[in-house]
Amino acid sequence: MRKASLFKQLAAVVMACLALTVTTTSTASAENVQAGVWQKDGHDFNIRTAASTSASKIATVKDPKTRVPCGASRCTRNNNGGKYTCWAGGPTGNDWLKVRWAGKTGWVAALCVDVGRL
């Protein structure tokens, strides 16, 4: 009978932990999560006025600690942007991410940056 009592107590603790996890997870709202980009493997990246390497540069991010927000909980993608090569021997693609920098909307080459929560 003692084992049954111990089992019930253990089950109650596990259930309480699960309830806490579910409650904590469900109260986090998407509005509080900010997505952004930063340097990939220590390489500088450009923020451009359009999703193309021929578009004007808004800025070049040289500081590895700089985080550039996307302006939403997710980064908006443009899979039909201009083709790019990140750096000599680096990735190539045509996928771009919309970001906000100095009050302006810009675009960064998606494969040239790391993406995540800020």
C-alpha atoms as a PDB file:
ATOM      1  CA  MET A   1       0.000   0.000   0.000  1.00  0.00           C
ATOM      2  CA  ARG A   2       2.931   2.315   0.610  1.00  0.00           C
ATOM      3  CA  LYS A   3       4.103   1.908  -3.015  1.00  0.00           C
ATOM      4  CA  ALA A   4       0.659   2.915  -4.252  1.00  0.00           C
ATOM      5  CA  SER A   5       0.756   6.068  -2.116  1.00  0.00           C
ATOM      6  CA  LEU A   6       4.227   6.964  -3.392  1.00  0.00           C
ATOM      7  CA  PHE A   7       3.075   6.352  -6.954  1.00  0.00           C
ATOM      8  CA  LYS A   8       0.067   8.670  -6.457  1.00  0.00           C
ATOM      9  CA  GLN A   9       2.311  11.421  -5.052  1.00  0.00           C
ATOM     10  CA  LEU A  10       4.753  11.062  -7.938  1.00  0.00           C
ATOM     11  CA  ALA A  11       1.899  11.149 -10.442  1.00  0.00           C
ATOM     12  CA  ALA A  12       0.553  14.327  -8.807  1.00  0.00           C
ATOM     13  CA  VAL A  13       3.968  16.015  -9.070  1.00  0.00           C
ATOM     14  CA  VAL A  14       4.324  15.016 -12.728  1.00  0.00           C
ATOM     15  CA  MET A  15       0.823  16.318 -13.527  1.00  0.00           C
ATOM     16  CA  ALA A  16       1.550  19.598 -11.734  1.00  0.00           C
ATOM     17  CA  CYS A  17       4.768  20.019 -13.727  1.00  0.00           C
ATOM     18  CA  LEU A  18       2.952  19.300 -16.975  1.00  0.00           C
ATOM     19  CA  ALA A  19       0.229  21.803 -16.115  1.00  0.00           C
ATOM     20  CA  LEU A  20       2.874  24.434 -15.337  1.00  0.00           C
ATOM     21  CA  THR A  21       4.622  23.771 -18.654  1.00  0.00           C
ATOM     22  CA  VAL A  22       1.373  23.980 -20.616  1.00  0.00           C
ATOM     23  CA  THR A  23       0.326  27.172 -18.816  1.00  0.00           C
ATOM     24  CA  THR A  24       3.707  28.817 -19.328  1.00  0.00           C
ATOM     25  CA  THR A  25       3.777  27.879 -22.995  1.00  0.00           C
ATOM     26  CA  SER A  26       0.225  28.912 -23.747  1.00  0.00           C
ATOM     27  CA  THR A  27       0.556  32.374 -22.164  1.00  0.00           C
ATOM     28  CA  ALA A  28       3.427  33.389 -24.436  1.00  0.00           C
ATOM     29  CA  SER A  29       1.907  35.381 -27.262  1.00  0.00           C
ATOM     30  CA  ALA A  30       3.251  35.823 -30.778  1.00  0.00           C
ATOM     31  CA  GLU A  31       3.104  39.585 -30.238  1.00  0.00           C
ATOM     32  CA  ASN A  32       5.888  39.346 -27.660  1.00  0.00           C
ATOM     33  CA  VAL A  33       8.206  37.382 -29.954  1.00  0.00           C
ATOM     34  CA  GLN A  34      10.395  39.457 -32.254  1.00  0.00           C
ATOM     35  CA  ALA A  35      12.154  37.772 -35.154  1.00  0.00           C
ATOM     36  CA  GLY A  36      15.365  39.140 -36.563  1.00  0.00           C
ATOM     37  CA  VAL A  37      18.614  38.508 -38.382  1.00  0.00           C
ATOM     38  CA  TRP A  38      22.325  38.799 -37.602  1.00  0.00           C
ATOM     39  CA  GLN A  39      25.713  37.948 -39.101  1.00  0.00           C
ATOM     40  CA  LYS A  40      26.298  34.410 -40.278  1.00  0.00           C
ATOM     41  CA  ASP A  41      29.743  32.978 -39.563  1.00  0.00           C
ATOM     42  CA  GLY A  42      31.158  36.481 -38.968  1.00  0.00           C
ATOM     43  CA  HIS A  43      30.342  37.806 -42.461  1.00  0.00           C
ATOM     44  CA  ASP A  44      29.055  41.355 -42.964  1.00  0.00           C
ATOM     45  CA  PHE A  45      25.691  41.666 -44.724  1.00  0.00           C
ATOM     46  CA  ASN A  46      23.860  44.369 -46.634  1.00  0.00           C
ATOM     47  CA  ILE A  47      20.369  45.738 -46.092  1.00  0.00           C
ATOM     48  CA  ARG A  48      18.936  46.869 -49.431  1.00  0.00           C
ATOM     49  CA  THR A  49      15.911  48.892 -50.530  1.00  0.00           C
ATOM     50  CA  ALA A  50      14.580  45.972 -52.603  1.00  0.00           C
ATOM     51  CA  ALA A  51      15.173  42.223 -52.869  1.00  0.00           C
ATOM     52  CA  SER A  52      17.989  42.569 -55.374  1.00  0.00           C
ATOM     53  CA  THR A  53      21.757  43.093 -55.328  1.00  0.00           C
ATOM     54  CA  SER A  54      21.248  45.980 -57.764  1.00  0.00           C
ATOM     55  CA  ALA A  55      19.010  47.837 -55.266  1.00  0.00           C
ATOM     56  CA  SER A  56      20.535  50.657 -53.212  1.00  0.00           C
ATOM     57  CA  LYS A  57      22.134  49.788 -49.885  1.00  0.00           C
ATOM     58  CA  ILE A  58      20.464  51.127 -46.764  1.00  0.00           C
ATOM     59  CA  ALA A  59      23.324  49.844 -44.582  1.00  0.00           C
ATOM     60  CA  THR A  60      26.087  47.271 -44.264  1.00  0.00           C
ATOM     61  CA  VAL A  61      26.040  45.455 -40.919  1.00  0.00           C
ATOM     62  CA  LYS A  62      29.636  44.916 -39.774  1.00  0.00           C
ATOM     63  CA  ASP A  63      29.189  44.366 -36.031  1.00  0.00           C
ATOM     64  CA  PRO A  64      28.602  40.697 -35.117  1.00  0.00           C
ATOM     65  CA  LYS A  65      26.532  41.787 -32.078  1.00  0.00           C
ATOM     66  CA  THR A  66      24.045  43.788 -34.160  1.00  0.00           C
ATOM     67  CA  ARG A  67      20.551  42.321 -34.385  1.00  0.00           C
ATOM     68  CA  VAL A  68      18.214  43.585 -37.117  1.00  0.00           C
ATOM     69  CA  PRO A  69      14.482  43.106 -36.434  1.00  0.00           C
ATOM     70  CA  CYS A  70      12.081  41.810 -39.042  1.00  0.00           C
ATOM     71  CA  GLY A  71       9.283  43.945 -37.629  1.00  0.00           C
ATOM     72  CA  ALA A  72       6.978  41.000 -36.891  1.00  0.00           C
ATOM     73  CA  SER A  73       6.969  37.642 -35.155  1.00  0.00           C
ATOM     74  CA  ARG A  74       8.154  36.139 -38.452  1.00  0.00           C
ATOM     75  CA  CYS A  75      10.383  37.452 -41.204  1.00  0.00           C
ATOM     76  CA  THR A  76       8.491  38.063 -44.448  1.00  0.00           C
ATOM     77  CA  ARG A  77      10.147  36.219 -47.330  1.00  0.00           C
ATOM     78  CA  ASN A  78      10.513  37.062 -50.991  1.00  0.00           C
ATOM     79  CA  ASN A  79      11.463  33.883 -52.860  1.00  0.00           C
ATOM     80  CA  ASN A  80      11.528  35.647 -56.227  1.00  0.00           C
ATOM     81  CA  GLY A  81      14.186  38.241 -55.448  1.00  0.00           C
ATOM     82  CA  GLY A  82      17.393  38.734 -57.370  1.00  0.00           C
ATOM     83  CA  LYS A  83      20.095  36.086 -57.316  1.00  0.00           C
ATOM     84  CA  TYR A  84      23.011  36.609 -54.937  1.00  0.00           C
ATOM     85  CA  THR A  85      26.207  35.035 -53.616  1.00  0.00           C
ATOM     86  CA  CYS A  86      26.798  35.758 -49.940  1.00  0.00           C
ATOM     87  CA  TRP A  87      30.601  35.830 -50.031  1.00  0.00           C
ATOM     88  CA  ALA A  88      33.360  34.240 -52.086  1.00  0.00           C
ATOM     89  CA  GLY A  89      32.646  30.508 -51.939  1.00  0.00           C
ATOM     90  CA  GLY A  90      29.531  31.143 -49.825  1.00  0.00           C
ATOM     91  CA  PRO A  91      25.888  30.216 -50.381  1.00  0.00           C
ATOM     92  CA  THR A  92      23.905  31.462 -53.356  1.00  0.00           C
ATOM     93  CA  GLY A  93      20.178  31.950 -53.694  1.00  0.00           C
ATOM     94  CA  ASN A  94      17.291  34.275 -54.512  1.00  0.00           C
ATOM     95  CA  ASP A  95      15.418  34.196 -51.178  1.00  0.00           C
ATOM     96  CA  TRP A  96      15.258  37.521 -49.293  1.00  0.00           C
ATOM     97  CA  LEU A  97      13.956  38.591 -45.856  1.00  0.00           C
ATOM     98  CA  LYS A  98      12.174  41.861 -45.050  1.00  0.00           C
ATOM     99  CA  VAL A  99      13.706  43.795 -42.126  1.00  0.00           C
ATOM    100  CA  ARG A 100      13.435  47.207 -40.416  1.00  0.00           C
ATOM    101  CA  TRP A 101      16.514  49.410 -40.043  1.00  0.00           C
ATOM    102  CA  ALA A 102      16.709  53.052 -38.968  1.00  0.00           C
ATOM    103  CA  GLY A 103      12.997  53.542 -39.597  1.00  0.00           C
ATOM    104  CA  LYS A 104      13.210  52.084 -43.113  1.00  0.00           C
ATOM    105  CA  THR A 105      12.027  48.812 -44.605  1.00  0.00           C
ATOM    106  CA  GLY A 106      14.808  46.834 -46.245  1.00  0.00           C
ATOM    107  CA  TRP A 107      15.742  43.400 -47.535  1.00  0.00           C
ATOM    108  CA  VAL A 108      18.601  41.033 -46.682  1.00  0.00           C
ATOM    109  CA  ALA A 109      19.749  37.949 -48.567  1.00  0.00           C
ATOM    110  CA  ALA A 110      18.292  35.065 -46.540  1.00  0.00           C
ATOM    111  CA  LEU A 111      21.193  32.626 -46.847  1.00  0.00           C
ATOM    112  CA  CYS A 112      23.727  35.309 -45.829  1.00  0.00           C
ATOM    113  CA  VAL A 113      22.322  35.761 -42.300  1.00  0.00           C
ATOM    114  CA  ASP A 114      21.241  33.742 -39.298  1.00  0.00           C
ATOM    115  CA  VAL A 115      17.567  34.109 -38.368  1.00  0.00           C
ATOM    116  CA  GLY A 116      15.812  33.676 -35.042  1.00  0.00           C
ATOM    117  CA  ARG A 117      14.238  35.318 -32.021  1.00  0.00           C
ATOM    118  CA  LEU A 118      15.713  38.555 -30.780  1.00  0.00           C
END
